[in-house]
N, C-alpha and C. Protein backbone atom coordinates (compact mmCIF):
# COMPACT_ATOMS: atom_id res chain seq x y z
N THR A 1 80.83 115.53 93.63
CA THR A 1 82.26 115.75 93.75
C THR A 1 82.61 116.03 95.20
N MET A 2 83.87 116.04 95.46
CA MET A 2 84.33 116.22 96.83
C MET A 2 84.49 117.71 97.13
N SER A 3 83.43 118.33 97.60
CA SER A 3 83.47 119.77 97.83
C SER A 3 83.47 120.09 99.33
N LYS A 4 84.09 119.25 100.12
CA LYS A 4 84.15 119.49 101.56
C LYS A 4 85.18 120.57 101.85
N GLN A 5 84.78 121.55 102.64
CA GLN A 5 85.69 122.62 102.98
C GLN A 5 86.40 122.29 104.28
N VAL A 6 87.68 122.56 104.31
CA VAL A 6 88.48 122.31 105.51
C VAL A 6 88.44 123.57 106.35
N THR A 7 87.95 123.43 107.59
CA THR A 7 87.83 124.60 108.45
C THR A 7 88.86 124.62 109.56
N SER A 8 89.50 123.49 109.83
CA SER A 8 90.54 123.47 110.85
C SER A 8 91.68 122.61 110.35
N SER A 9 92.78 122.66 111.07
CA SER A 9 93.95 121.91 110.63
C SER A 9 94.02 120.52 111.27
N SER A 10 92.99 120.11 111.97
CA SER A 10 93.01 118.79 112.59
C SER A 10 92.80 117.71 111.54
N PRO A 11 93.39 116.53 111.75
CA PRO A 11 93.22 115.45 110.77
C PRO A 11 91.77 115.02 110.60
N ALA A 12 90.95 115.19 111.62
CA ALA A 12 89.54 114.80 111.52
C ALA A 12 88.81 115.65 110.49
N ALA A 13 89.26 116.86 110.26
CA ALA A 13 88.60 117.73 109.29
C ALA A 13 88.90 117.30 107.86
N LEU A 14 89.88 116.44 107.67
CA LEU A 14 90.26 116.00 106.33
C LEU A 14 89.65 114.66 105.95
N THR A 15 88.70 114.20 106.72
CA THR A 15 88.06 112.93 106.42
C THR A 15 87.02 113.13 105.33
N PRO A 16 87.13 112.39 104.20
CA PRO A 16 86.15 112.57 103.12
C PRO A 16 84.81 111.96 103.49
N ARG A 17 83.77 112.49 102.90
CA ARG A 17 82.45 111.90 103.11
C ARG A 17 82.35 110.62 102.29
N ALA A 18 81.33 109.84 102.55
CA ALA A 18 81.14 108.59 101.82
C ALA A 18 80.86 108.89 100.35
N THR A 19 81.46 108.11 99.47
CA THR A 19 81.26 108.29 98.04
C THR A 19 79.89 107.74 97.65
N THR A 20 79.13 108.52 96.88
CA THR A 20 77.82 108.06 96.43
C THR A 20 77.93 107.43 95.05
N MET A 21 76.91 106.72 94.65
CA MET A 21 76.91 106.13 93.30
C MET A 21 76.90 107.22 92.24
N GLY A 22 76.27 108.34 92.52
CA GLY A 22 76.28 109.45 91.58
C GLY A 22 77.69 109.97 91.34
N ASP A 23 78.49 110.06 92.43
CA ASP A 23 79.88 110.47 92.29
C ASP A 23 80.66 109.49 91.43
N LEU A 24 80.40 108.21 91.63
CA LEU A 24 81.12 107.19 90.86
C LEU A 24 80.77 107.27 89.39
N TRP A 25 79.48 107.39 89.06
CA TRP A 25 79.08 107.45 87.66
C TRP A 25 79.63 108.69 86.97
N LYS A 26 79.75 109.80 87.72
CA LYS A 26 80.31 111.02 87.13
C LYS A 26 81.80 110.89 86.84
N ASN A 27 82.49 110.00 87.55
CA ASN A 27 83.93 109.88 87.43
C ASN A 27 84.38 108.70 86.57
N ILE A 28 83.46 108.01 85.92
CA ILE A 28 83.87 106.94 85.02
C ILE A 28 84.41 107.58 83.74
N SER A 29 85.61 107.18 83.36
CA SER A 29 86.26 107.77 82.19
C SER A 29 86.01 106.92 80.94
N ALA A 30 86.45 107.45 79.81
CA ALA A 30 86.31 106.71 78.55
C ALA A 30 87.13 105.42 78.59
N GLY A 31 88.27 105.46 79.25
CA GLY A 31 89.09 104.25 79.40
C GLY A 31 88.38 103.18 80.19
N ASP A 32 87.66 103.60 81.24
CA ASP A 32 86.88 102.64 82.03
C ASP A 32 85.78 102.01 81.18
N LEU A 33 85.13 102.83 80.37
CA LEU A 33 84.08 102.30 79.50
C LEU A 33 84.65 101.34 78.47
N ALA A 34 85.85 101.63 77.98
CA ALA A 34 86.50 100.73 77.01
C ALA A 34 86.84 99.40 77.65
N VAL A 35 87.34 99.42 78.88
CA VAL A 35 87.65 98.17 79.58
C VAL A 35 86.37 97.39 79.86
N TRP A 36 85.33 98.10 80.27
CA TRP A 36 84.04 97.47 80.55
C TRP A 36 83.51 96.78 79.30
N GLY A 37 83.48 97.49 78.19
CA GLY A 37 83.01 96.89 76.94
C GLY A 37 83.94 95.80 76.44
N GLY A 38 85.24 95.99 76.63
CA GLY A 38 86.21 94.99 76.18
C GLY A 38 86.08 93.68 76.93
N LEU A 39 85.90 93.75 78.24
CA LEU A 39 85.72 92.52 79.01
C LEU A 39 84.45 91.79 78.60
N THR A 40 83.40 92.55 78.36
CA THR A 40 82.15 91.93 77.91
C THR A 40 82.35 91.28 76.54
N ALA A 41 83.00 92.00 75.64
CA ALA A 41 83.21 91.49 74.28
C ALA A 41 84.14 90.28 74.26
N LEU A 42 85.10 90.22 75.15
CA LEU A 42 86.00 89.06 75.20
C LEU A 42 85.33 87.83 75.81
N CYS A 43 84.45 88.05 76.75
CA CYS A 43 83.82 86.92 77.43
C CYS A 43 82.73 86.25 76.60
N LEU A 44 82.10 86.99 75.70
CA LEU A 44 81.04 86.38 74.88
C LEU A 44 81.57 85.24 73.99
N PRO A 45 82.61 85.45 73.18
CA PRO A 45 83.10 84.33 72.38
C PRO A 45 83.77 83.25 73.22
N TYR A 46 84.37 83.65 74.34
CA TYR A 46 84.97 82.68 75.24
C TYR A 46 83.91 81.69 75.72
N GLY A 47 82.76 82.19 76.13
CA GLY A 47 81.68 81.32 76.57
C GLY A 47 81.13 80.48 75.44
N PHE A 48 81.09 81.03 74.24
CA PHE A 48 80.59 80.27 73.09
C PHE A 48 81.53 79.13 72.74
N ILE A 49 82.83 79.40 72.75
CA ILE A 49 83.81 78.37 72.39
C ILE A 49 83.87 77.26 73.44
N LEU A 50 83.83 77.60 74.71
CA LEU A 50 83.97 76.59 75.76
C LEU A 50 82.67 75.87 76.09
N GLY A 51 81.54 76.39 75.69
CA GLY A 51 80.27 75.79 76.06
C GLY A 51 79.71 74.91 74.97
N LYS A 52 80.44 73.89 74.55
CA LYS A 52 80.07 73.10 73.38
C LYS A 52 78.65 72.52 73.43
N PRO A 53 78.23 71.86 74.49
CA PRO A 53 76.86 71.32 74.41
C PRO A 53 75.77 72.40 74.46
N VAL A 54 76.00 73.44 75.19
CA VAL A 54 75.00 74.52 75.33
C VAL A 54 75.68 75.85 75.03
N ARG A 55 76.03 76.08 73.80
CA ARG A 55 76.83 77.24 73.43
C ARG A 55 76.14 78.57 73.73
N THR A 56 74.88 78.69 73.40
CA THR A 56 74.19 79.97 73.60
C THR A 56 74.07 80.32 75.07
N SER A 57 73.67 79.37 75.89
CA SER A 57 73.54 79.63 77.33
C SER A 57 74.89 79.95 77.95
N SER A 58 75.90 79.22 77.54
CA SER A 58 77.25 79.47 78.06
C SER A 58 77.76 80.84 77.63
N MET A 59 77.47 81.24 76.41
CA MET A 59 77.90 82.54 75.91
C MET A 59 77.21 83.67 76.69
N ILE A 60 75.92 83.52 76.92
CA ILE A 60 75.18 84.55 77.67
C ILE A 60 75.70 84.65 79.10
N THR A 61 75.95 83.51 79.73
CA THR A 61 76.45 83.51 81.10
C THR A 61 77.83 84.14 81.17
N ALA A 62 78.72 83.78 80.25
CA ALA A 62 80.07 84.37 80.24
C ALA A 62 79.99 85.86 79.95
N GLY A 63 79.09 86.28 79.08
CA GLY A 63 78.91 87.70 78.79
C GLY A 63 78.45 88.48 80.00
N ILE A 64 77.52 87.90 80.76
CA ILE A 64 77.05 88.56 81.98
C ILE A 64 78.17 88.67 83.00
N LEU A 65 78.98 87.61 83.12
CA LEU A 65 80.12 87.66 84.05
C LEU A 65 81.14 88.71 83.61
N GLY A 66 81.41 88.79 82.32
CA GLY A 66 82.33 89.81 81.80
C GLY A 66 81.79 91.22 82.00
N TRP A 67 80.48 91.39 81.78
CA TRP A 67 79.84 92.69 81.98
C TRP A 67 79.96 93.11 83.45
N THR A 68 79.70 92.16 84.35
CA THR A 68 79.77 92.45 85.78
C THR A 68 81.20 92.78 86.21
N ALA A 69 82.16 92.00 85.73
CA ALA A 69 83.57 92.26 86.07
C ALA A 69 84.00 93.63 85.54
N GLY A 70 83.60 93.98 84.33
CA GLY A 70 83.94 95.28 83.78
C GLY A 70 83.31 96.42 84.56
N LEU A 71 82.07 96.23 84.99
CA LEU A 71 81.39 97.26 85.78
C LEU A 71 82.09 97.48 87.11
N VAL A 72 82.41 96.39 87.81
CA VAL A 72 83.08 96.51 89.10
C VAL A 72 84.45 97.17 88.93
N TYR A 73 85.18 96.77 87.91
CA TYR A 73 86.50 97.36 87.64
C TYR A 73 86.37 98.86 87.38
N SER A 74 85.40 99.26 86.59
CA SER A 74 85.20 100.68 86.26
C SER A 74 84.82 101.48 87.50
N LEU A 75 83.95 100.95 88.33
CA LEU A 75 83.55 101.66 89.54
C LEU A 75 84.71 101.76 90.54
N GLN A 76 85.55 100.71 90.61
CA GLN A 76 86.72 100.77 91.49
C GLN A 76 87.70 101.84 91.02
N ASN A 77 87.91 101.93 89.70
CA ASN A 77 88.80 102.96 89.17
C ASN A 77 88.24 104.35 89.44
N ALA A 78 86.95 104.53 89.27
CA ALA A 78 86.33 105.83 89.54
C ALA A 78 86.48 106.21 91.01
N ASN A 79 86.28 105.25 91.89
CA ASN A 79 86.42 105.51 93.33
C ASN A 79 87.87 105.84 93.68
N ALA A 80 88.82 105.16 93.06
CA ALA A 80 90.23 105.46 93.32
C ALA A 80 90.57 106.88 92.87
N ARG A 81 90.01 107.33 91.75
CA ARG A 81 90.25 108.69 91.30
C ARG A 81 89.65 109.71 92.27
N ILE A 82 88.47 109.43 92.80
CA ILE A 82 87.85 110.34 93.76
C ILE A 82 88.71 110.45 95.02
N ILE A 83 89.16 109.32 95.54
CA ILE A 83 89.98 109.32 96.75
C ILE A 83 91.31 110.02 96.49
N GLN A 84 91.93 109.75 95.36
CA GLN A 84 93.20 110.38 95.04
C GLN A 84 93.03 111.90 94.91
N ASN A 85 91.97 112.35 94.25
CA ASN A 85 91.73 113.78 94.11
C ASN A 85 91.48 114.44 95.45
N PHE A 86 90.80 113.73 96.36
CA PHE A 86 90.55 114.30 97.69
C PHE A 86 91.87 114.48 98.44
N HIS A 87 92.73 113.45 98.39
CA HIS A 87 93.99 113.54 99.12
C HIS A 87 94.92 114.60 98.52
N VAL A 88 94.91 114.76 97.23
CA VAL A 88 95.70 115.82 96.60
C VAL A 88 95.20 117.18 97.06
N ALA A 89 93.88 117.37 97.07
CA ALA A 89 93.31 118.65 97.52
C ALA A 89 93.59 118.87 99.01
N ALA A 90 93.52 117.81 99.81
CA ALA A 90 93.76 117.95 101.24
C ALA A 90 95.22 118.31 101.52
N ASN A 91 96.14 117.76 100.75
CA ASN A 91 97.55 118.08 100.96
C ASN A 91 97.90 119.49 100.54
N LYS A 92 97.14 120.06 99.63
CA LYS A 92 97.39 121.44 99.22
C LYS A 92 96.86 122.43 100.24
N THR A 93 95.88 122.03 101.07
CA THR A 93 95.27 122.97 102.00
C THR A 93 95.91 122.93 103.37
N THR A 94 96.70 121.93 103.67
CA THR A 94 97.32 121.84 105.00
C THR A 94 98.84 121.84 104.82
N LYS A 95 99.52 122.24 105.86
CA LYS A 95 100.98 122.23 105.82
C LYS A 95 101.47 120.97 106.51
N SER A 96 102.19 120.19 105.77
CA SER A 96 102.78 118.98 106.31
C SER A 96 104.18 119.30 106.82
N PRO A 97 104.60 118.67 107.90
CA PRO A 97 105.96 118.92 108.40
C PRO A 97 107.03 118.44 107.40
N LEU A 98 106.65 117.55 106.48
CA LEU A 98 107.61 117.04 105.52
C LEU A 98 107.72 117.91 104.29
N ARG A 99 106.73 118.76 104.06
CA ARG A 99 106.73 119.65 102.88
C ARG A 99 107.12 121.05 103.30
N SER A 100 107.85 121.73 102.46
CA SER A 100 108.24 123.10 102.82
C SER A 100 107.44 124.10 102.02
């Protein structure tokens, strides 16, 4: 998680550290898992229907592509949540000239 402590009011002190894969896996939500599984489940029959001469190979290939797309989508959502949470925490610890 993002447990960086802010010790000064300079903008450089508010720079988040690099997100690790462990942070991403901890932040994957149930909705992300549903999208991941849903994309995989939708791509399997799609590959079977469109791959008439080689249905099984086409289905497996489409399933792998759907699995990969779902994984990337889930990890991107997890990373966006980490970045958003960091910026919310950073805005609470510093005084902005626009906020009173």
